[in-house]
Amino acid sequence: MAEEYSLEYGNATVEMHTDSVRPGQRVLLIDDLIATGGTMVAASRLLQRLGANVVEAAAIIDLPDLGGSKAVTDTGLPVYTVCEFGHSLPDPGAMQGQ
């Protein structure tokens, strides 16, 4: 079974065997990185089509400036990440006086 999704530079497909999960089985979706969220959202949809109950998504790194973790949470799936990296830099003025 397959689920196709869009990337910023093309399309990709996530595939699973139909007997990979049982209907009603609770699944934690884990990836190394959340960038645009396309892979994680597609994997969640595919698992749900197979009858799984996807309970949470987790990743080591989140790149929140690319909107992926928001895209995943917008589907109703809670997201946990270990760390995040973004382009936002601290205000140098806020650092004075410390």
N, C-alpha and C. Protein backbone atom coordinates (compact mmCIF):
# COMPACT_ATOMS: atom_id res chain seq x y z
N MET A 1 0.86 -1.16 0.00
CA MET A 1 0.00 0.00 0.00
C MET A 1 0.91 1.23 0.00
N ALA A 2 0.47 2.33 -0.62
CA ALA A 2 1.32 3.51 -0.76
C ALA A 2 0.54 4.79 -0.50
N GLU A 3 1.28 5.81 -0.11
CA GLU A 3 0.72 7.15 0.08
C GLU A 3 1.72 8.13 -0.54
N GLU A 4 1.24 8.87 -1.53
CA GLU A 4 2.11 9.85 -2.20
C GLU A 4 1.96 11.21 -1.54
N TYR A 5 3.04 11.97 -1.51
CA TYR A 5 3.01 13.31 -0.94
C TYR A 5 3.96 14.22 -1.70
N SER A 6 3.75 15.52 -1.55
CA SER A 6 4.55 16.51 -2.27
C SER A 6 5.74 16.98 -1.44
N LEU A 7 6.83 17.19 -2.12
CA LEU A 7 8.02 17.79 -1.54
C LEU A 7 8.20 19.16 -2.17
N GLU A 8 9.07 19.97 -1.61
CA GLU A 8 9.31 21.28 -2.20
C GLU A 8 9.96 21.17 -3.58
N TYR A 9 10.52 20.00 -3.91
CA TYR A 9 11.21 19.82 -5.18
C TYR A 9 10.65 18.66 -6.01
N GLY A 10 9.48 18.14 -5.65
CA GLY A 10 8.89 17.04 -6.40
C GLY A 10 7.90 16.25 -5.56
N ASN A 11 7.75 14.97 -5.89
CA ASN A 11 6.85 14.09 -5.16
C ASN A 11 7.62 12.90 -4.61
N ALA A 12 7.07 12.28 -3.59
CA ALA A 12 7.65 11.07 -3.00
C ALA A 12 6.51 10.16 -2.57
N THR A 13 6.87 8.93 -2.24
CA THR A 13 5.88 7.94 -1.83
C THR A 13 6.38 7.18 -0.62
N VAL A 14 5.48 6.97 0.35
CA VAL A 14 5.75 6.11 1.49
C VAL A 14 4.98 4.82 1.24
N GLU A 15 5.64 3.67 1.44
CA GLU A 15 5.00 2.39 1.18
C GLU A 15 5.12 1.48 2.40
N MET A 16 4.11 0.63 2.61
CA MET A 16 4.11 -0.36 3.68
C MET A 16 3.40 -1.62 3.19
N HIS A 17 3.79 -2.76 3.75
CA HIS A 17 3.06 -3.99 3.50
C HIS A 17 1.71 -3.90 4.20
N THR A 18 0.68 -4.45 3.61
CA THR A 18 -0.66 -4.36 4.19
C THR A 18 -0.78 -5.11 5.51
N ASP A 19 0.14 -6.04 5.79
CA ASP A 19 0.09 -6.77 7.05
C ASP A 19 1.08 -6.23 8.09
N SER A 20 1.55 -4.99 7.88
CA SER A 20 2.53 -4.39 8.80
C SER A 20 1.93 -4.02 10.15
N VAL A 21 0.65 -3.67 10.16
CA VAL A 21 -0.04 -3.33 11.40
C VAL A 21 -1.40 -4.01 11.41
N ARG A 22 -1.91 -4.24 12.60
CA ARG A 22 -3.24 -4.81 12.76
C ARG A 22 -4.24 -3.69 12.99
N PRO A 23 -5.48 -3.85 12.56
CA PRO A 23 -6.50 -2.84 12.84
C PRO A 23 -6.58 -2.57 14.35
N GLY A 24 -6.60 -1.29 14.71
CA GLY A 24 -6.67 -0.90 16.11
C GLY A 24 -5.34 -0.87 16.84
N GLN A 25 -4.28 -1.34 16.20
CA GLN A 25 -2.96 -1.34 16.85
C GLN A 25 -2.50 0.09 17.07
N ARG A 26 -1.99 0.37 18.29
CA ARG A 26 -1.48 1.70 18.61
C ARG A 26 -0.06 1.84 18.06
N VAL A 27 0.21 2.98 17.38
CA VAL A 27 1.48 3.19 16.71
C VAL A 27 2.07 4.53 17.11
N LEU A 28 3.35 4.53 17.41
CA LEU A 28 4.12 5.76 17.62
C LEU A 28 4.94 5.96 16.36
N LEU A 29 4.74 7.08 15.69
CA LEU A 29 5.43 7.39 14.43
C LEU A 29 6.71 8.14 14.76
N ILE A 30 7.87 7.60 14.37
CA ILE A 30 9.16 8.19 14.71
C ILE A 30 9.96 8.46 13.44
N ASP A 31 10.58 9.66 13.39
CA ASP A 31 11.46 10.03 12.29
C ASP A 31 12.66 10.76 12.89
N ASP A 32 13.71 10.91 12.12
CA ASP A 32 14.88 11.61 12.64
C ASP A 32 14.70 13.13 12.61
N LEU A 33 13.94 13.63 11.64
CA LEU A 33 13.85 15.07 11.42
C LEU A 33 12.46 15.44 10.90
N ILE A 34 11.91 16.55 11.40
CA ILE A 34 10.69 17.10 10.83
C ILE A 34 11.07 18.41 10.14
N ALA A 35 10.95 18.43 8.82
CA ALA A 35 11.22 19.66 8.07
C ALA A 35 9.88 20.23 7.61
N THR A 36 9.38 19.78 6.46
CA THR A 36 8.08 20.26 5.97
C THR A 36 6.92 19.43 6.52
N GLY A 37 7.22 18.27 7.09
CA GLY A 37 6.19 17.42 7.66
C GLY A 37 5.55 16.46 6.68
N GLY A 38 5.90 16.55 5.41
CA GLY A 38 5.25 15.73 4.39
C GLY A 38 5.38 14.24 4.62
N THR A 39 6.58 13.78 4.97
CA THR A 39 6.80 12.35 5.19
C THR A 39 5.97 11.86 6.37
N MET A 40 5.98 12.62 7.46
CA MET A 40 5.28 12.21 8.66
C MET A 40 3.76 12.22 8.46
N VAL A 41 3.25 13.22 7.79
CA VAL A 41 1.81 13.29 7.53
C VAL A 41 1.40 12.14 6.61
N ALA A 42 2.19 11.88 5.57
CA ALA A 42 1.87 10.78 4.64
C ALA A 42 1.94 9.43 5.36
N ALA A 43 2.93 9.23 6.19
CA ALA A 43 3.05 7.97 6.93
C ALA A 43 1.87 7.79 7.88
N SER A 44 1.46 8.86 8.53
CA SER A 44 0.32 8.79 9.43
C SER A 44 -0.95 8.43 8.67
N ARG A 45 -1.16 9.05 7.52
CA ARG A 45 -2.35 8.74 6.69
C ARG A 45 -2.33 7.27 6.26
N LEU A 46 -1.16 6.81 5.84
CA LEU A 46 -1.03 5.42 5.39
C LEU A 46 -1.34 4.45 6.53
N LEU A 47 -0.78 4.71 7.69
CA LEU A 47 -1.03 3.85 8.85
C LEU A 47 -2.52 3.84 9.21
N GLN A 48 -3.15 5.00 9.14
CA GLN A 48 -4.58 5.08 9.45
C GLN A 48 -5.41 4.33 8.41
N ARG A 49 -5.01 4.39 7.14
CA ARG A 49 -5.71 3.64 6.10
C ARG A 49 -5.61 2.13 6.34
N LEU A 50 -4.51 1.71 6.98
CA LEU A 50 -4.33 0.30 7.31
C LEU A 50 -5.04 -0.08 8.61
N GLY A 51 -5.69 0.90 9.26
CA GLY A 51 -6.45 0.61 10.47
C GLY A 51 -5.73 0.88 11.77
N ALA A 52 -4.50 1.39 11.71
CA ALA A 52 -3.74 1.66 12.92
C ALA A 52 -4.26 2.91 13.62
N ASN A 53 -4.02 2.97 14.92
CA ASN A 53 -4.34 4.14 15.73
C ASN A 53 -3.02 4.86 16.01
N VAL A 54 -2.70 5.86 15.21
CA VAL A 54 -1.44 6.61 15.38
C VAL A 54 -1.65 7.56 16.55
N VAL A 55 -0.90 7.33 17.64
CA VAL A 55 -1.15 8.07 18.88
C VAL A 55 -0.25 9.29 19.06
N GLU A 56 0.92 9.28 18.45
CA GLU A 56 1.84 10.42 18.58
C GLU A 56 2.92 10.32 17.52
N ALA A 57 3.49 11.48 17.19
CA ALA A 57 4.64 11.55 16.29
C ALA A 57 5.82 12.08 17.09
N ALA A 58 7.00 11.56 16.81
CA ALA A 58 8.20 12.00 17.52
C ALA A 58 9.36 12.09 16.55
N ALA A 59 10.27 13.03 16.83
CA ALA A 59 11.46 13.18 16.01
C ALA A 59 12.59 13.70 16.89
N ILE A 60 13.80 13.49 16.45
CA ILE A 60 14.96 14.03 17.16
C ILE A 60 15.02 15.53 16.94
N ILE A 61 14.95 15.96 15.69
CA ILE A 61 15.14 17.37 15.34
C ILE A 61 13.89 17.93 14.67
N ASP A 62 13.51 19.13 15.07
CA ASP A 62 12.41 19.86 14.44
C ASP A 62 13.00 21.14 13.83
N LEU A 63 12.62 21.42 12.60
CA LEU A 63 12.98 22.68 11.94
C LEU A 63 11.69 23.49 11.83
N PRO A 64 11.27 24.14 12.92
CA PRO A 64 9.94 24.77 12.96
C PRO A 64 9.74 25.87 11.93
N ASP A 65 10.80 26.52 11.50
CA ASP A 65 10.66 27.59 10.50
C ASP A 65 10.13 27.06 9.17
N LEU A 66 10.24 25.74 8.94
CA LEU A 66 9.74 25.14 7.69
C LEU A 66 8.30 24.69 7.82
N GLY A 67 7.73 24.75 9.02
CA GLY A 67 6.31 24.49 9.21
C GLY A 67 5.88 23.05 9.32
N GLY A 68 6.82 22.12 9.37
CA GLY A 68 6.46 20.71 9.41
C GLY A 68 5.76 20.26 10.67
N SER A 69 6.26 20.67 11.82
CA SER A 69 5.61 20.23 13.06
C SER A 69 4.20 20.81 13.17
N LYS A 70 4.00 22.01 12.64
CA LYS A 70 2.65 22.58 12.62
C LYS A 70 1.75 21.79 11.68
N ALA A 71 2.29 21.38 10.53
CA ALA A 71 1.50 20.58 9.58
C ALA A 71 1.07 19.26 10.22
N VAL A 72 1.95 18.66 11.00
CA VAL A 72 1.62 17.40 11.66
C VAL A 72 0.57 17.63 12.75
N THR A 73 0.77 18.65 13.59
CA THR A 73 -0.21 18.91 14.66
C THR A 73 -1.55 19.36 14.09
N ASP A 74 -1.54 20.00 12.92
CA ASP A 74 -2.80 20.40 12.28
C ASP A 74 -3.66 19.20 11.88
N THR A 75 -3.05 18.02 11.77
CA THR A 75 -3.81 16.80 11.48
C THR A 75 -4.40 16.21 12.76
N GLY A 76 -4.09 16.81 13.91
CA GLY A 76 -4.59 16.31 15.19
C GLY A 76 -3.63 15.38 15.89
N LEU A 77 -2.46 15.18 15.33
CA LEU A 77 -1.47 14.28 15.90
C LEU A 77 -0.51 15.05 16.81
N PRO A 78 -0.38 14.67 18.08
CA PRO A 78 0.59 15.32 18.95
C PRO A 78 2.01 15.06 18.46
N VAL A 79 2.90 16.04 18.64
CA VAL A 79 4.29 15.92 18.19
C VAL A 79 5.23 16.16 19.36
N TYR A 80 6.23 15.29 19.49
CA TYR A 80 7.29 15.45 20.49
C TYR A 80 8.62 15.48 19.74
N THR A 81 9.48 16.45 20.05
CA THR A 81 10.82 16.49 19.46
C THR A 81 11.84 16.72 20.57
N VAL A 82 13.05 16.24 20.35
CA VAL A 82 14.13 16.38 21.33
C VAL A 82 14.70 17.79 21.28
N CYS A 83 14.91 18.32 20.08
CA CYS A 83 15.46 19.67 19.94
C CYS A 83 14.96 20.31 18.66
N GLU A 84 15.09 21.62 18.59
CA GLU A 84 14.69 22.32 17.38
C GLU A 84 15.76 23.33 16.99
N PHE A 85 15.85 23.54 15.69
CA PHE A 85 16.79 24.51 15.14
C PHE A 85 16.02 25.43 14.21
N GLY A 86 16.26 26.74 14.33
CA GLY A 86 15.58 27.70 13.49
C GLY A 86 16.49 28.83 13.11
N HIS A 87 15.96 29.70 12.27
CA HIS A 87 16.73 30.86 11.83
C HIS A 87 16.62 32.02 12.79
N SER A 88 15.70 31.93 13.71
CA SER A 88 15.48 33.02 14.65
C SER A 88 16.68 33.15 15.60
N LEU A 89 17.24 34.33 15.64
CA LEU A 89 18.36 34.58 16.54
C LEU A 89 17.88 35.43 17.71
N PRO A 90 18.49 35.26 18.88
CA PRO A 90 18.09 36.09 20.02
C PRO A 90 18.36 37.56 19.76
N ASP A 91 17.56 38.41 20.35
CA ASP A 91 17.73 39.85 20.25
C ASP A 91 18.97 40.24 21.06
N PRO A 92 20.00 40.80 20.41
CA PRO A 92 21.22 41.17 21.15
C PRO A 92 20.95 42.16 22.28
N GLY A 93 19.96 43.02 22.11
CA GLY A 93 19.63 43.98 23.15
C GLY A 93 19.10 43.30 24.40
N ALA A 94 18.44 42.16 24.22
CA ALA A 94 17.89 41.44 25.36
C ALA A 94 19.00 40.76 26.16
N MET A 95 20.15 40.60 25.56
CA MET A 95 21.26 39.93 26.24
C MET A 95 22.04 40.90 27.13
N GLN A 96 21.92 42.21 26.88
CA GLN A 96 22.67 43.19 27.67
C GLN A 96 22.19 43.20 29.09
N GLY A 97 23.11 43.42 30.00
CA GLY A 97 22.78 43.53 31.41
C GLY A 97 22.69 42.19 32.11
N GLN A 98 23.06 41.13 31.42
CA GLN A 98 23.03 39.82 32.07
C GLN A 98 24.40 39.43 32.54
